[in-house]
Structure formats: C-alpha cells, structure tokens
Amino acid sequence: MSSTPSLRPQQRTPVGSPPVSYNNVETSERINGAPSVTEIWKQWQGQVVDHQFVLQQYLGGSDHSAVFLTQREGRLKAAIKLIPAANPEAADRQLFQWRLATKLPHTHLIRIFQTGRCELGDQSLLYIVMEYAEEDLSQIIPQRPLTASETRDMLRPVLDALAYVHGKGFVHGHLKPANIMAIADQVKLSSDGLCAPGESNGLRGTSYSAPEAASGAVSPPADIWSLGVTLVEALTLHQPTWDAAKPMEPVLPKELPAPFAEIARHCLRPDSRQRWTVAQIAANLETGFRAILRYKLSRFTIHKLSTLQFNNPASHPGRHSRRSLSRSPLQTSKHRSSPQ
C-alpha cells in the first residue's frame, strides 16, 4: 500500500466543490443562447438510473460523457458515468470492455461495481458505477511540482497497476494526471478506459498521447509514452518538447531530477519499440534512488568525519601546542593567584 502525500495539494478543494478528477475535460460553450452541454447534463440530477442509482451532484463531463455522485447499497459513495448509446455496435463494444475491466481487480485500479444500459428521457445511455475518488494528480500540478520523493511514491503504485494491466493483455489507453487518483491513502489508476491492444478506446487524443496513437489504436508502449509526459509535467510543471533538429530526443527541463530524466528519455522514444517496459522503469527507479541514497550517505559521512576531526584536539597538535605555550593551566592558576 502506498501513502499519498504526493496527491495532497497544499490547498484542498473547497468543501462542496466537485473533485477536479471529474471536472477537467473540455465542455461545450453556449452557442447562440442554447443551453451548454453542462447545463443539459445537470438537468438529470435527481433522476434514477436502472431503478437503483440516484444521480446526485454533477461532478463533471464533456460532450460525450457525464459523471455524477451517487450511492450504492444505499449509503456508500460512488461515481456513475453516463455516455450516449446511439451507435449499437459501439455501445456493445464499450459494455464488453467495461465488463472485462470489472474482472481485473487490483489494489491500485479504480474498482468497477456495475455496468449496464438505461434510459433517461428520450436518451439511450450506458452507465458505469465506480469507486469515488476524492483527489487526483491534476489538482496539484497547477499549484506546485512534486518533489522527487513524492514522485517516487506516486510512481510505484502506478507502475504496479500498469504492470498488472499489461500482464493481463490490456492497455490503459488514457494515462494522464487526471486519471491518477487518490482514495484515502491509496493511489489508483482509472480503469473505465481499459481496452485490448490494437483497439480504439473511443477517446480523443491529448497532449499525453503517443505519436502512433493518432491512428486510434492503443498499445502498452503508448501507455509508457503517456507516463513519460505525465512524469515530466509532475516534476517541472511543463510537458516535454522536441527540437526539430533532433526529433529522436525530447527536450527535458534542466531541473528534472535524477533518476527521472533517464526514465523520461526512455519513455519518450518516438520509436515505440525502443521505449522501456514497466519492469525496466521500475528497476531503474529503485536503482537510481539507491544510488542517490548512497551518494547522500557518503557525503554525510565525509562531512561528519571532517567535523569530528576538526573538533578533536589530538588531530591538531599544532593548535594544541600553541594554546599550551600561550597559557598552560598552571600559568593561568599562577596568574590568577598573584597579588594585585
């Protein structure tokens, strides 16, 4: 289990505000006075999905999805996402992917409790009920970068979850700060976008997407690329850039600390075959931190030894001799006892 100090912003979201994790995607603006998509979604607050999930607070969404706070088993908080089911073939495929993801339980994956179809008004929809996450990494990045230790503590459970997903033959497909979440003291990855390699997860490309993802297909190396972008941004508040003269090497901020610079370079190889695997990243993360620890320990030892040597009179005979010659204890005593 990983603690989550790295996912605790210095200023918490005000009480009553929806978590950023459900409110950071693009939403349509009002056009010619027509209601915005957000306003349309919000009209469904209070509706009941599948005779059991009341749509409580609207948490956020986009043109093609909405997330509400709900309760399961009558009292436990959960998040419910709704997406249109206009295309029967796409809807069947999405439900199939969600049901597969439900069978992938892992400590560091958001749990999926239930999926299905529903009708709200004249809309045919799909729904997925998941764990409710209080916080996510995208809340912190606008405020401050993570420290090296915080990044290591965040990265370990993320790598653990990715290794599990890839080992089961799936791809995350949409790795970014908003999908690295915190529930109590655990870091968790979103799981509603999991899909098989080579398939499309139906999500739009972002600045975190690998170059080859433009075709719509996703793969484990594409997840590694997204992780590299996220890693650089979390540590420096800036995403990596590329120099046209050296397109094979990312331009990384100088303040990127070790061992993360090396990890980021190997995550962001344009050729997906040259990117590190999750196992390689995890191994280099631990090796790099052990090297840093050894270096700090050696510096501390040298400093401590030099301090002890400086304070030890036996190691400075010249200084001790001068002090003895200038005024010995006997001379001091004689001087103090002489008549005035």
Protein backbone atom coordinates (compact mmCIF):
# COMPACT_ATOMS: atom_id res chain seq x y z
CA MET A 1 0.00 0.00 0.00
CA SER A 2 1.34 3.40 -0.91
CA SER A 3 0.73 6.53 1.09
CA THR A 4 -0.48 9.55 -0.81
CA PRO A 5 1.25 12.68 0.47
CA SER A 6 2.15 13.29 -3.15
CA LEU A 7 -1.54 13.65 -4.01
CA ARG A 8 -2.33 16.12 -1.28
CA PRO A 9 -2.34 19.66 -2.61
CA GLN A 10 -1.29 22.48 -0.34
CA GLN A 11 -4.78 23.97 -0.65
CA ARG A 12 -7.59 21.46 -0.72
CA THR A 13 -10.65 21.75 -2.92
CA PRO A 14 -13.27 23.85 -1.10
CA VAL A 15 -15.97 21.87 0.66
CA GLY A 16 -18.88 21.24 -1.66
CA SER A 17 -16.82 21.60 -4.86
CA PRO A 18 -16.61 18.61 -7.19
CA PRO A 19 -13.23 16.90 -7.41
CA VAL A 20 -11.16 18.08 -10.35
CA SER A 21 -10.83 14.47 -11.49
CA TYR A 22 -14.38 14.63 -12.82
CA ASN A 23 -14.35 18.22 -13.97
CA ASN A 24 -11.24 18.78 -16.05
CA VAL A 25 -12.32 17.75 -19.54
CA GLU A 26 -13.46 20.11 -22.21
CA THR A 27 -17.09 21.17 -22.11
CA SER A 28 -19.03 22.85 -24.87
CA GLU A 29 -19.71 26.53 -24.66
CA ARG A 30 -23.15 28.03 -25.01
CA ILE A 31 -23.95 28.56 -28.71
CA ASN A 32 -26.45 31.22 -29.79
CA GLY A 33 -28.05 31.22 -26.37
CA ALA A 34 -28.69 27.46 -26.38
CA PRO A 35 -28.02 25.55 -23.14
CA SER A 36 -24.48 24.28 -22.78
CA VAL A 37 -23.78 20.57 -22.57
CA THR A 38 -23.05 21.01 -18.85
CA GLU A 39 -26.47 22.56 -18.29
CA ILE A 40 -28.12 19.72 -20.23
CA TRP A 41 -26.31 17.09 -18.15
CA LYS A 42 -27.19 18.89 -14.91
CA GLN A 43 -30.90 18.66 -15.75
CA TRP A 44 -30.65 14.95 -14.97
CA GLN A 45 -29.71 15.49 -11.33
CA GLY A 46 -32.27 13.65 -9.20
CA GLN A 47 -33.04 11.08 -11.89
CA VAL A 48 -32.66 7.38 -11.05
CA VAL A 49 -30.56 5.08 -13.23
CA ASP A 50 -31.63 1.45 -13.55
CA HIS A 51 -34.03 1.81 -10.58
CA GLN A 52 -31.13 1.95 -8.10
CA PHE A 53 -28.63 4.79 -8.66
CA VAL A 54 -29.81 8.31 -7.89
CA LEU A 55 -27.92 10.99 -9.83
CA GLN A 56 -26.86 13.33 -7.07
CA GLN A 57 -24.25 16.07 -7.56
CA TYR A 58 -23.00 16.61 -11.13
CA LEU A 59 -19.23 16.15 -10.93
CA GLY A 60 -18.19 16.99 -14.48
CA GLY A 61 -18.09 15.73 -18.01
CA SER A 62 -17.71 16.53 -21.69
CA ASP A 63 -19.70 16.49 -24.92
CA HIS A 64 -19.91 12.70 -24.80
CA SER A 65 -19.99 11.82 -21.10
CA ALA A 66 -21.15 12.97 -17.68
CA VAL A 67 -20.19 11.90 -14.18
CA PHE A 68 -22.45 12.19 -11.13
CA LEU A 69 -22.09 11.39 -7.48
CA THR A 70 -24.34 8.50 -6.47
CA GLN A 71 -24.66 5.86 -3.77
CA ARG A 72 -24.52 2.10 -3.93
CA GLU A 73 -26.04 -0.28 -1.44
CA GLY A 74 -27.95 2.69 -0.09
CA ARG A 75 -25.12 4.56 1.62
CA LEU A 76 -21.67 4.13 0.03
CA LYS A 77 -20.40 6.94 -2.15
CA ALA A 78 -19.70 6.06 -5.78
CA ALA A 79 -19.24 7.80 -9.12
CA ILE A 80 -21.50 6.97 -12.06
CA LYS A 81 -20.52 7.85 -15.62
CA LEU A 82 -23.10 8.12 -18.41
CA ILE A 83 -22.33 8.02 -22.14
CA PRO A 84 -24.71 8.04 -25.12
CA ALA A 85 -25.54 4.69 -26.69
CA ALA A 86 -26.63 5.96 -30.10
CA ASN A 87 -24.43 3.52 -32.04
CA PRO A 88 -25.49 -0.04 -31.14
CA GLU A 89 -22.25 -1.66 -32.29
CA ALA A 90 -20.07 0.85 -30.40
CA ALA A 91 -22.30 0.50 -27.32
CA ASP A 92 -21.95 -3.29 -27.32
CA ARG A 93 -18.18 -2.99 -27.64
CA GLN A 94 -17.99 -0.47 -24.79
CA LEU A 95 -20.06 -2.66 -22.47
CA PHE A 96 -17.89 -5.63 -23.34
CA GLN A 97 -14.71 -3.67 -22.48
CA TRP A 98 -16.19 -2.46 -19.20
CA ARG A 99 -17.19 -5.98 -18.21
CA LEU A 100 -13.69 -7.23 -18.94
CA ALA A 101 -12.26 -4.40 -16.82
CA THR A 102 -14.60 -5.42 -13.98
CA LYS A 103 -12.74 -8.73 -13.87
CA LEU A 104 -9.39 -7.02 -13.27
CA PRO A 105 -9.33 -6.37 -9.53
CA HIS A 106 -6.17 -4.65 -8.31
CA THR A 107 -5.30 -2.56 -5.28
CA HIS A 108 -4.23 0.35 -7.47
CA LEU A 109 -7.05 0.30 -10.02
CA ILE A 110 -10.36 2.12 -9.53
CA ARG A 111 -12.94 -0.58 -8.79
CA ILE A 112 -15.87 -1.01 -11.16
CA PHE A 113 -19.02 -2.13 -9.39
CA GLN A 114 -21.66 -2.32 -12.12
CA THR A 115 -22.31 -1.51 -15.79
CA GLY A 116 -25.41 -1.50 -17.92
CA ARG A 117 -27.89 0.33 -20.12
CA CYS A 118 -30.52 2.86 -19.12
CA GLU A 119 -33.00 5.37 -20.49
CA LEU A 120 -33.25 8.97 -19.30
CA GLY A 121 -35.94 10.95 -21.06
CA ASP A 122 -35.59 10.04 -24.72
CA GLN A 123 -31.88 9.24 -24.39
CA SER A 124 -30.42 5.75 -24.57
CA LEU A 125 -27.34 5.62 -22.35
CA LEU A 126 -24.66 3.34 -20.99
CA TYR A 127 -23.59 3.64 -17.37
CA ILE A 128 -20.66 2.51 -15.27
CA VAL A 129 -20.55 2.75 -11.47
CA MET A 130 -17.06 3.10 -9.97
CA GLU A 131 -15.21 3.99 -6.80
CA TYR A 132 -15.44 7.66 -5.90
CA ALA A 133 -12.03 9.37 -5.91
CA GLU A 134 -11.56 12.41 -3.71
CA GLU A 135 -8.44 13.74 -5.42
CA ASP A 136 -6.18 13.36 -8.43
CA LEU A 137 -2.77 14.48 -9.65
CA SER A 138 -4.17 17.23 -11.90
CA GLN A 139 -5.21 19.14 -8.77
CA ILE A 140 -1.61 19.54 -7.67
CA ILE A 141 0.21 20.37 -10.89
CA PRO A 142 -1.29 23.87 -11.24
CA GLN A 143 -0.09 24.66 -7.70
CA ARG A 144 3.38 23.13 -7.36
CA PRO A 145 5.66 20.40 -8.72
CA LEU A 146 6.04 17.15 -6.87
CA THR A 147 9.27 16.51 -5.02
CA ALA A 148 11.45 13.60 -6.09
CA SER A 149 10.29 11.54 -3.10
CA GLU A 150 6.62 12.32 -3.76
CA THR A 151 7.06 11.34 -7.40
CA ARG A 152 8.65 8.04 -6.44
CA ASP A 153 5.79 7.31 -4.02
CA MET A 154 3.25 8.15 -6.73
CA LEU A 155 5.05 6.24 -9.45
CA ARG A 156 5.42 2.94 -7.59
CA PRO A 157 1.67 2.12 -7.39
CA VAL A 158 1.11 3.45 -10.92
CA LEU A 159 3.79 1.11 -12.26
CA ASP A 160 2.33 -1.72 -10.19
CA ALA A 161 -1.12 -1.17 -11.74
CA LEU A 162 0.27 -0.80 -15.27
CA ALA A 163 2.31 -4.00 -14.92
CA TYR A 164 -0.86 -5.82 -13.88
CA VAL A 165 -2.93 -4.35 -16.73
CA HIS A 166 -0.29 -5.10 -19.37
CA GLY A 167 0.30 -8.56 -17.92
CA LYS A 168 -3.41 -9.34 -18.34
CA GLY A 169 -3.26 -8.35 -22.00
CA PHE A 170 -4.84 -4.90 -21.66
CA VAL A 171 -3.83 -1.28 -22.19
CA HIS A 172 -4.78 1.70 -20.04
CA GLY A 173 -5.13 3.93 -23.08
CA HIS A 174 -5.62 7.30 -21.40
CA LEU A 175 -2.89 7.82 -18.84
CA LYS A 176 -2.65 11.44 -17.65
CA PRO A 177 -2.62 13.34 -14.32
CA ALA A 178 -6.41 13.44 -14.00
CA ASN A 179 -6.52 9.65 -14.19
CA ILE A 180 -4.00 9.15 -11.39
CA MET A 181 -6.34 9.37 -8.41
CA ALA A 182 -6.29 9.12 -4.64
CA ILE A 183 -8.79 7.27 -2.47
CA ALA A 184 -7.98 7.58 1.22
CA ASP A 185 -4.31 6.55 1.46
CA GLN A 186 -4.08 4.75 -1.88
CA VAL A 187 -3.01 5.92 -5.33
CA LYS A 188 -5.21 4.40 -8.05
CA LEU A 189 -5.43 4.49 -11.83
CA SER A 190 -8.76 4.95 -13.59
CA SER A 191 -9.99 1.73 -15.15
CA ASP A 192 -13.01 2.64 -17.27
CA GLY A 193 -10.88 3.16 -20.41
CA LEU A 194 -9.06 -0.18 -20.39
CA CYS A 195 -9.06 -1.97 -23.72
CA ALA A 196 -7.19 -4.61 -25.68
CA PRO A 197 -4.01 -3.66 -27.60
CA GLY A 198 -4.72 -2.51 -31.12
CA GLU A 199 -8.27 -1.47 -30.31
CA SER A 200 -9.60 2.05 -30.05
CA ASN A 201 -10.81 3.19 -26.66
CA GLY A 202 -13.01 5.82 -28.29
CA LEU A 203 -11.22 8.67 -26.51
CA ARG A 204 -9.82 11.76 -28.16
CA GLY A 205 -6.08 12.25 -28.48
CA THR A 206 -4.46 14.60 -25.98
CA SER A 207 -1.04 16.12 -25.36
CA TYR A 208 -0.28 12.93 -23.42
CA SER A 209 -0.95 10.63 -26.39
CA ALA A 210 1.88 8.81 -28.14
CA PRO A 211 2.58 9.72 -31.79
CA GLU A 212 1.32 6.35 -33.04
CA ALA A 213 -1.97 6.83 -31.16
CA ALA A 214 -3.15 9.18 -33.91
CA SER A 215 -4.42 6.08 -35.72
CA GLY A 216 -6.81 5.49 -32.82
CA ALA A 217 -5.21 2.21 -31.72
CA VAL A 218 -3.51 1.91 -28.32
CA SER A 219 -0.71 -0.29 -27.02
CA PRO A 220 1.44 -0.83 -23.90
CA PRO A 221 4.26 1.33 -25.36
CA ALA A 222 1.70 4.12 -25.85
CA ASP A 223 0.96 3.94 -22.12
CA ILE A 224 4.70 4.29 -21.46
CA TRP A 225 4.83 7.44 -23.58
CA SER A 226 1.89 8.95 -21.68
CA LEU A 227 3.59 8.07 -18.41
CA GLY A 228 6.74 9.89 -19.55
CA VAL A 229 4.84 13.07 -20.36
CA THR A 230 3.00 12.89 -17.02
CA LEU A 231 6.24 12.29 -15.14
CA VAL A 232 7.98 15.34 -16.62
CA GLU A 233 4.95 17.56 -16.00
CA ALA A 234 4.53 16.41 -12.41
CA LEU A 235 8.16 17.26 -11.58
CA THR A 236 8.58 20.51 -13.55
CA LEU A 237 5.05 21.82 -14.30
CA HIS A 238 5.97 21.68 -18.00
CA GLN A 239 5.48 19.00 -20.61
CA PRO A 240 8.50 17.92 -22.68
CA THR A 241 9.16 19.49 -26.07
CA TRP A 242 11.09 18.41 -29.16
CA ASP A 243 13.77 20.12 -31.20
CA ALA A 244 13.17 19.81 -34.94
CA ALA A 245 16.91 19.29 -35.42
CA LYS A 246 16.89 16.30 -33.02
CA PRO A 247 13.43 14.74 -33.34
CA MET A 248 14.50 11.50 -31.67
CA GLU A 249 15.33 13.13 -28.32
CA PRO A 250 12.88 15.04 -26.08
CA VAL A 251 13.97 18.41 -24.73
CA LEU A 252 13.67 17.93 -20.98
CA PRO A 253 13.68 20.76 -18.41
CA LYS A 254 17.07 21.14 -16.74
CA GLU A 255 15.52 20.95 -13.28
CA LEU A 256 14.32 17.37 -13.89
CA PRO A 257 16.00 15.40 -11.06
CA ALA A 258 17.71 12.05 -11.28
CA PRO A 259 16.76 9.30 -11.91
CA PHE A 260 13.65 10.68 -13.60
CA ALA A 261 15.47 12.35 -16.51
CA GLU A 262 16.80 8.98 -17.67
CA ILE A 263 13.40 7.33 -17.22
CA ALA A 264 11.63 10.10 -19.15
CA ARG A 265 14.10 9.88 -22.05
CA HIS A 266 13.43 6.16 -22.43
CA CYS A 267 9.65 6.61 -22.12
CA LEU A 268 9.59 9.26 -24.84
CA ARG A 269 11.32 7.42 -27.67
CA PRO A 270 9.46 8.16 -30.94
CA ASP A 271 10.07 4.54 -31.95
CA SER A 272 7.73 2.61 -29.64
CA ARG A 273 9.97 -0.48 -29.87
CA GLN A 274 12.77 1.43 -28.12
CA ARG A 275 10.73 2.51 -25.10
CA TRP A 276 11.32 0.91 -21.74
CA THR A 277 8.81 -1.55 -20.36
CA VAL A 278 7.11 -1.07 -17.00
CA ALA A 279 9.57 -3.54 -15.45
CA GLN A 280 12.57 -1.60 -16.77
CA ILE A 281 11.19 1.68 -15.44
CA ALA A 282 10.54 0.15 -12.01
CA ALA A 283 14.04 -1.35 -11.85
CA ASN A 284 15.74 1.90 -12.87
CA LEU A 285 13.61 3.88 -10.42
CA GLU A 286 14.80 1.79 -7.49
CA THR A 287 18.40 1.60 -8.72
CA GLY A 288 18.51 5.37 -9.21
CA PHE A 289 17.19 6.11 -5.74
CA ARG A 290 19.59 3.67 -4.14
CA ALA A 291 22.45 5.47 -5.90
CA ILE A 292 21.17 8.83 -4.65
CA LEU A 293 20.90 7.45 -1.12
CA ARG A 294 24.45 6.07 -1.24
CA TYR A 295 25.75 9.41 -2.52
CA LYS A 296 23.98 11.36 0.21
CA LEU A 297 25.18 8.91 2.83
CA SER A 298 28.79 9.19 1.65
CA ARG A 299 28.60 12.99 1.64
CA PHE A 300 27.15 12.93 5.16
CA THR A 301 29.87 10.55 6.36
CA ILE A 302 32.64 12.72 4.90
CA HIS A 303 31.13 15.83 6.46
CA LYS A 304 30.72 14.09 9.82
CA LEU A 305 34.29 12.80 9.83
CA SER A 306 35.71 16.18 8.93
CA THR A 307 33.68 17.79 11.72
CA LEU A 308 34.89 15.26 14.27
CA GLN A 309 38.46 15.69 13.10
CA PHE A 310 38.23 19.46 13.33
CA ASN A 311 36.88 19.30 16.89
CA ASN A 312 39.41 16.69 18.09
CA PRO A 313 42.49 18.41 19.66
CA ALA A 314 44.58 15.31 19.11
CA SER A 315 44.16 15.73 15.37
CA HIS A 316 45.51 19.31 15.52
CA PRO A 317 48.78 19.11 17.51
CA GLY A 318 49.96 22.46 16.31
CA ARG A 319 46.90 24.24 17.55
CA HIS A 320 47.08 22.42 20.89
CA SER A 321 50.80 23.33 21.28
CA ARG A 322 50.21 26.98 20.62
CA ARG A 323 47.42 27.03 23.18
CA SER A 324 49.69 25.27 25.72
CA LEU A 325 52.57 27.64 25.12
CA SER A 326 50.48 30.73 25.32
CA ARG A 327 48.83 29.87 28.62
CA SER A 328 49.01 26.50 30.38
CA PRO A 329 46.65 25.65 33.22
CA LEU A 330 49.47 26.15 35.70
CA GLN A 331 50.28 29.58 34.32
CA THR A 332 46.66 30.53 34.41
CA SER A 333 46.34 29.47 38.01
CA LYS A 334 49.53 31.34 38.99
CA HIS A 335 48.39 34.46 37.21
CA ARG A 336 45.04 34.48 38.99
CA SER A 337 46.69 33.96 42.43
CA SER A 338 49.36 36.66 42.13
CA PRO A 339 48.96 39.77 44.34
CA GLN A 340 47.44 42.82 42.64
